[in-house]
């Protein structure tokens, strides 16, 4: 299961968000299909298949990667990141995932 904030889940379901960056220790596995939810107890809203997983410093993100996160540019991604995670550190290493919509 992968949980997204409601507004981000909508972008995933529209195909406008195809990447996510996470701080968690639980790692999603490339090739596996996961349920999409907007909260832990809710019904699945769809499914994604993880295409690729990699480690990345936040400061190494490109404009293209920011757009794949469902925002218009890096400045918007920084603001989104801060709203979810509290602060922005360009040296912070996160786990990045590329994904695509999938059928169960």
N, C-alpha and C. Protein backbone atom coordinates (compact mmCIF):
# COMPACT_ATOMS: atom_id res chain seq x y z
N UNK A 1 0.84 -1.17 0.00
CA UNK A 1 0.00 0.00 0.00
C UNK A 1 0.89 1.24 0.00
N UNK A 2 0.49 2.23 -0.80
CA UNK A 2 1.17 3.52 -0.83
C UNK A 2 0.13 4.59 -0.54
N UNK A 3 0.41 5.43 0.44
CA UNK A 3 -0.52 6.48 0.83
C UNK A 3 -0.02 7.82 0.29
N UNK A 4 -0.93 8.53 -0.36
CA UNK A 4 -0.68 9.88 -0.86
C UNK A 4 -1.72 10.82 -0.28
N UNK A 5 -1.35 12.07 -0.08
CA UNK A 5 -2.34 13.08 0.27
C UNK A 5 -3.37 13.12 -0.86
N UNK A 6 -4.60 13.44 -0.52
CA UNK A 6 -5.71 13.36 -1.47
C UNK A 6 -5.41 14.11 -2.78
N UNK A 7 -4.89 15.34 -2.68
CA UNK A 7 -4.63 16.12 -3.90
C UNK A 7 -3.54 15.48 -4.76
N UNK A 8 -2.57 14.82 -4.11
CA UNK A 8 -1.51 14.15 -4.86
C UNK A 8 -2.01 12.84 -5.46
N UNK A 9 -2.87 12.15 -4.74
CA UNK A 9 -3.46 10.92 -5.26
C UNK A 9 -4.23 11.20 -6.55
N UNK A 10 -4.94 12.32 -6.57
CA UNK A 10 -5.68 12.70 -7.78
C UNK A 10 -4.73 12.88 -8.97
N UNK A 11 -3.55 13.49 -8.72
CA UNK A 11 -2.56 13.68 -9.78
C UNK A 11 -2.02 12.34 -10.27
N UNK A 12 -1.82 11.39 -9.34
CA UNK A 12 -1.37 10.05 -9.73
C UNK A 12 -2.41 9.41 -10.64
N UNK A 13 -3.67 9.46 -10.22
CA UNK A 13 -4.74 8.82 -10.99
C UNK A 13 -4.95 9.47 -12.35
N UNK A 14 -4.59 10.74 -12.48
CA UNK A 14 -4.67 11.45 -13.76
C UNK A 14 -3.44 11.19 -14.63
N UNK A 15 -2.43 10.53 -14.08
CA UNK A 15 -1.20 10.27 -14.81
C UNK A 15 -0.25 11.46 -14.83
N UNK A 16 -0.51 12.47 -14.01
CA UNK A 16 0.33 13.67 -13.98
C UNK A 16 1.44 13.58 -12.94
N UNK A 17 1.37 12.61 -12.05
CA UNK A 17 2.41 12.37 -11.04
C UNK A 17 2.91 10.95 -11.25
N UNK A 18 4.19 10.82 -11.61
CA UNK A 18 4.76 9.51 -11.90
C UNK A 18 6.01 9.22 -11.08
N UNK A 19 6.30 10.10 -10.12
CA UNK A 19 7.41 9.88 -9.21
C UNK A 19 6.99 10.32 -7.82
N UNK A 20 7.66 9.74 -6.81
CA UNK A 20 7.48 10.18 -5.44
C UNK A 20 8.81 9.99 -4.71
N UNK A 21 9.06 10.86 -3.76
CA UNK A 21 10.25 10.77 -2.92
C UNK A 21 9.80 10.57 -1.49
N UNK A 22 10.47 9.66 -0.80
CA UNK A 22 10.04 9.27 0.54
C UNK A 22 11.22 9.22 1.50
N UNK A 23 10.93 9.46 2.78
CA UNK A 23 11.92 9.36 3.85
C UNK A 23 11.86 8.02 4.57
N UNK A 24 10.82 7.25 4.35
CA UNK A 24 10.55 6.05 5.13
C UNK A 24 11.62 4.96 4.96
N UNK A 25 11.64 4.08 5.90
CA UNK A 25 12.56 2.94 5.84
C UNK A 25 11.97 1.78 5.05
N UNK A 26 10.64 1.70 5.02
CA UNK A 26 9.97 0.64 4.26
C UNK A 26 10.20 0.91 2.78
N UNK A 27 10.79 -0.02 2.09
CA UNK A 27 11.12 0.19 0.69
C UNK A 27 10.13 -0.53 -0.22
N UNK A 28 9.68 0.20 -1.21
CA UNK A 28 8.83 -0.38 -2.24
C UNK A 28 9.72 -1.09 -3.25
N UNK A 29 9.25 -2.20 -3.76
CA UNK A 29 10.08 -3.03 -4.65
C UNK A 29 9.73 -2.81 -6.12
N UNK A 30 10.75 -2.54 -6.94
CA UNK A 30 10.50 -2.42 -8.38
C UNK A 30 9.86 -3.70 -8.92
N UNK A 31 8.89 -3.51 -9.80
CA UNK A 31 8.17 -4.63 -10.40
C UNK A 31 6.92 -5.02 -9.64
N UNK A 32 6.77 -4.57 -8.40
CA UNK A 32 5.61 -4.94 -7.60
C UNK A 32 4.49 -3.91 -7.76
N UNK A 33 3.25 -4.40 -7.66
CA UNK A 33 2.07 -3.55 -7.75
C UNK A 33 1.55 -3.27 -6.35
N UNK A 34 1.25 -1.99 -6.09
CA UNK A 34 0.79 -1.55 -4.78
C UNK A 34 -0.55 -0.84 -4.89
N UNK A 35 -1.37 -0.99 -3.85
CA UNK A 35 -2.63 -0.26 -3.76
C UNK A 35 -2.33 1.21 -3.48
N UNK A 36 -3.18 2.08 -4.00
CA UNK A 36 -3.11 3.51 -3.73
C UNK A 36 -4.24 3.89 -2.78
N UNK A 37 -3.89 4.62 -1.72
CA UNK A 37 -4.89 5.08 -0.76
C UNK A 37 -4.57 6.51 -0.35
N UNK A 38 -5.60 7.20 0.18
CA UNK A 38 -5.35 8.53 0.75
C UNK A 38 -5.33 8.49 2.27
N UNK A 39 -5.59 7.33 2.85
CA UNK A 39 -5.41 7.12 4.28
C UNK A 39 -5.29 5.62 4.53
N UNK A 40 -4.77 5.29 5.68
CA UNK A 40 -4.44 3.90 5.98
C UNK A 40 -5.63 2.97 5.91
N UNK A 41 -6.80 3.44 6.36
CA UNK A 41 -7.97 2.56 6.47
C UNK A 41 -8.93 2.66 5.29
N UNK A 42 -8.68 3.57 4.36
CA UNK A 42 -9.60 3.77 3.24
C UNK A 42 -9.53 2.65 2.21
N UNK A 43 -10.48 2.71 1.29
CA UNK A 43 -10.53 1.76 0.19
C UNK A 43 -9.46 2.12 -0.84
N UNK A 44 -8.90 1.13 -1.52
CA UNK A 44 -7.93 1.43 -2.58
C UNK A 44 -8.58 2.28 -3.67
N UNK A 45 -7.84 3.27 -4.12
CA UNK A 45 -8.33 4.16 -5.17
C UNK A 45 -7.77 3.78 -6.55
N UNK A 46 -6.81 2.88 -6.55
CA UNK A 46 -6.16 2.45 -7.79
C UNK A 46 -4.92 1.67 -7.44
N UNK A 47 -4.08 1.46 -8.44
CA UNK A 47 -2.86 0.67 -8.26
C UNK A 47 -1.72 1.29 -9.06
N UNK A 48 -0.51 1.17 -8.52
CA UNK A 48 0.68 1.58 -9.26
C UNK A 48 1.69 0.44 -9.27
N UNK A 49 2.49 0.42 -10.30
CA UNK A 49 3.59 -0.53 -10.41
C UNK A 49 4.88 0.27 -10.32
N UNK A 50 5.75 -0.12 -9.39
CA UNK A 50 7.03 0.55 -9.22
C UNK A 50 7.96 0.13 -10.35
N UNK A 51 8.45 1.12 -11.09
CA UNK A 51 9.35 0.86 -12.21
C UNK A 51 10.81 0.94 -11.79
N UNK A 52 11.11 1.86 -10.88
CA UNK A 52 12.51 2.08 -10.50
C UNK A 52 12.57 2.70 -9.12
N UNK A 53 13.61 2.33 -8.36
CA UNK A 53 13.87 2.90 -7.04
C UNK A 53 15.32 3.35 -7.02
N UNK A 54 15.58 4.56 -6.50
CA UNK A 54 16.96 5.04 -6.39
C UNK A 54 17.07 6.05 -5.26
N UNK A 55 18.28 6.17 -4.75
CA UNK A 55 18.57 7.15 -3.71
C UNK A 55 18.99 8.45 -4.39
N UNK A 56 18.63 9.59 -3.79
CA UNK A 56 18.94 10.88 -4.39
C UNK A 56 18.98 11.96 -3.32
N UNK A 57 19.91 12.89 -3.45
CA UNK A 57 19.90 14.09 -2.61
C UNK A 57 18.81 15.01 -3.15
N UNK A 58 18.05 15.63 -2.28
CA UNK A 58 17.00 16.53 -2.73
C UNK A 58 17.55 17.62 -3.63
N UNK A 59 18.76 18.11 -3.31
CA UNK A 59 19.37 19.17 -4.10
C UNK A 59 19.79 18.74 -5.49
N UNK A 60 19.79 17.44 -5.78
CA UNK A 60 20.17 16.94 -7.11
C UNK A 60 18.98 16.75 -8.04
N UNK A 61 17.79 17.06 -7.57
CA UNK A 61 16.60 16.91 -8.41
C UNK A 61 16.66 17.86 -9.60
N UNK A 62 16.10 17.41 -10.72
CA UNK A 62 16.01 18.24 -11.92
C UNK A 62 14.61 18.83 -12.05
N UNK A 63 14.47 19.80 -12.92
CA UNK A 63 13.15 20.36 -13.22
C UNK A 63 12.22 19.27 -13.75
N UNK A 64 12.76 18.40 -14.59
CA UNK A 64 11.95 17.30 -15.16
C UNK A 64 11.43 16.38 -14.05
N UNK A 65 12.29 16.08 -13.08
CA UNK A 65 11.86 15.23 -11.96
C UNK A 65 10.81 15.94 -11.12
N UNK A 66 10.94 17.24 -10.94
CA UNK A 66 9.93 18.00 -10.19
C UNK A 66 8.58 17.91 -10.90
N UNK A 67 8.58 18.05 -12.22
CA UNK A 67 7.32 17.93 -12.98
C UNK A 67 6.74 16.52 -12.85
N UNK A 68 7.61 15.49 -12.82
CA UNK A 68 7.14 14.11 -12.64
C UNK A 68 6.53 13.92 -11.25
N UNK A 69 6.87 14.81 -10.31
CA UNK A 69 6.26 14.79 -8.98
C UNK A 69 4.88 15.44 -8.97
N UNK A 70 4.46 15.97 -10.12
CA UNK A 70 3.12 16.54 -10.23
C UNK A 70 3.05 18.04 -10.00
N UNK A 71 4.21 18.72 -9.94
CA UNK A 71 4.24 20.17 -9.75
C UNK A 71 4.88 20.82 -10.97
N UNK A 72 4.84 22.16 -11.02
CA UNK A 72 5.33 22.82 -12.24
C UNK A 72 6.83 23.03 -12.28
N UNK A 73 7.50 23.11 -11.11
CA UNK A 73 8.95 23.33 -11.11
C UNK A 73 9.55 22.99 -9.75
N UNK A 74 10.87 23.14 -9.65
CA UNK A 74 11.57 22.80 -8.39
C UNK A 74 11.11 23.66 -7.21
N UNK A 75 10.84 24.93 -7.47
CA UNK A 75 10.39 25.80 -6.38
C UNK A 75 9.07 25.28 -5.80
N UNK A 76 8.15 24.87 -6.66
CA UNK A 76 6.89 24.29 -6.18
C UNK A 76 7.13 22.99 -5.43
N UNK A 77 8.06 22.16 -5.92
CA UNK A 77 8.35 20.92 -5.22
C UNK A 77 8.91 21.20 -3.83
N UNK A 78 9.81 22.17 -3.71
CA UNK A 78 10.36 22.52 -2.38
C UNK A 78 9.25 22.90 -1.42
N UNK A 79 8.29 23.71 -1.90
CA UNK A 79 7.17 24.12 -1.03
C UNK A 79 6.30 22.92 -0.66
N UNK A 80 6.04 22.05 -1.62
CA UNK A 80 5.27 20.83 -1.34
C UNK A 80 5.99 19.97 -0.31
N UNK A 81 7.30 19.77 -0.51
CA UNK A 81 8.09 18.96 0.42
C UNK A 81 8.02 19.54 1.83
N UNK A 82 8.19 20.85 1.95
CA UNK A 82 8.15 21.48 3.27
C UNK A 82 6.77 21.34 3.92
N UNK A 83 5.71 21.40 3.11
CA UNK A 83 4.36 21.27 3.67
C UNK A 83 4.10 19.87 4.22
N UNK A 84 4.78 18.87 3.64
CA UNK A 84 4.59 17.48 4.07
C UNK A 84 5.60 17.08 5.13
N UNK A 85 6.87 17.46 4.94
CA UNK A 85 7.97 16.97 5.79
C UNK A 85 8.55 17.99 6.75
N UNK A 86 8.09 19.23 6.69
CA UNK A 86 8.51 20.22 7.67
C UNK A 86 9.66 21.12 7.25
N UNK A 87 10.67 20.58 6.60
CA UNK A 87 11.77 21.44 6.17
C UNK A 87 12.42 20.88 4.92
N UNK A 88 13.27 21.68 4.31
CA UNK A 88 13.95 21.33 3.06
C UNK A 88 15.45 21.41 3.32
N UNK A 89 16.15 20.33 3.07
CA UNK A 89 17.61 20.32 3.14
C UNK A 89 18.11 19.72 1.84
N UNK A 90 18.82 20.50 1.02
CA UNK A 90 19.29 19.97 -0.26
C UNK A 90 20.23 18.78 -0.12
N UNK A 91 20.83 18.60 1.06
CA UNK A 91 21.74 17.47 1.27
C UNK A 91 21.03 16.22 1.77
N UNK A 92 19.74 16.32 2.08
CA UNK A 92 19.01 15.16 2.59
C UNK A 92 18.87 14.11 1.49
N UNK A 93 19.21 12.87 1.82
CA UNK A 93 19.08 11.76 0.88
C UNK A 93 17.72 11.11 1.10
N UNK A 94 16.99 10.94 0.01
CA UNK A 94 15.66 10.34 0.05
C UNK A 94 15.63 9.16 -0.91
N UNK A 95 14.60 8.36 -0.78
CA UNK A 95 14.37 7.28 -1.75
C UNK A 95 13.37 7.78 -2.77
N UNK A 96 13.75 7.72 -4.03
CA UNK A 96 12.88 8.16 -5.13
C UNK A 96 12.33 6.93 -5.84
N UNK A 97 11.08 7.03 -6.22
CA UNK A 97 10.41 5.95 -6.94
C UNK A 97 9.79 6.49 -8.22
N UNK A 98 9.99 5.78 -9.32
CA UNK A 98 9.26 6.03 -10.55
C UNK A 98 8.19 4.95 -10.63
N UNK A 99 6.99 5.32 -11.06
CA UNK A 99 5.89 4.36 -11.10
C UNK A 99 4.97 4.66 -12.26
N UNK A 100 4.08 3.69 -12.53
CA UNK A 100 3.05 3.87 -13.54
C UNK A 100 1.76 3.29 -13.01
N UNK A 101 0.64 3.79 -13.51
CA UNK A 101 -0.65 3.23 -13.14
C UNK A 101 -0.70 1.78 -13.60
N UNK A 102 -1.38 0.96 -12.83
CA UNK A 102 -1.43 -0.48 -13.14
C UNK A 102 -2.81 -1.02 -12.82
N UNK A 103 -3.08 -2.17 -13.40
CA UNK A 103 -4.28 -2.93 -13.04
C UNK A 103 -3.86 -3.89 -11.94
N UNK A 104 -4.80 -4.29 -11.12
CA UNK A 104 -4.46 -5.22 -10.03
C UNK A 104 -4.00 -6.55 -10.58
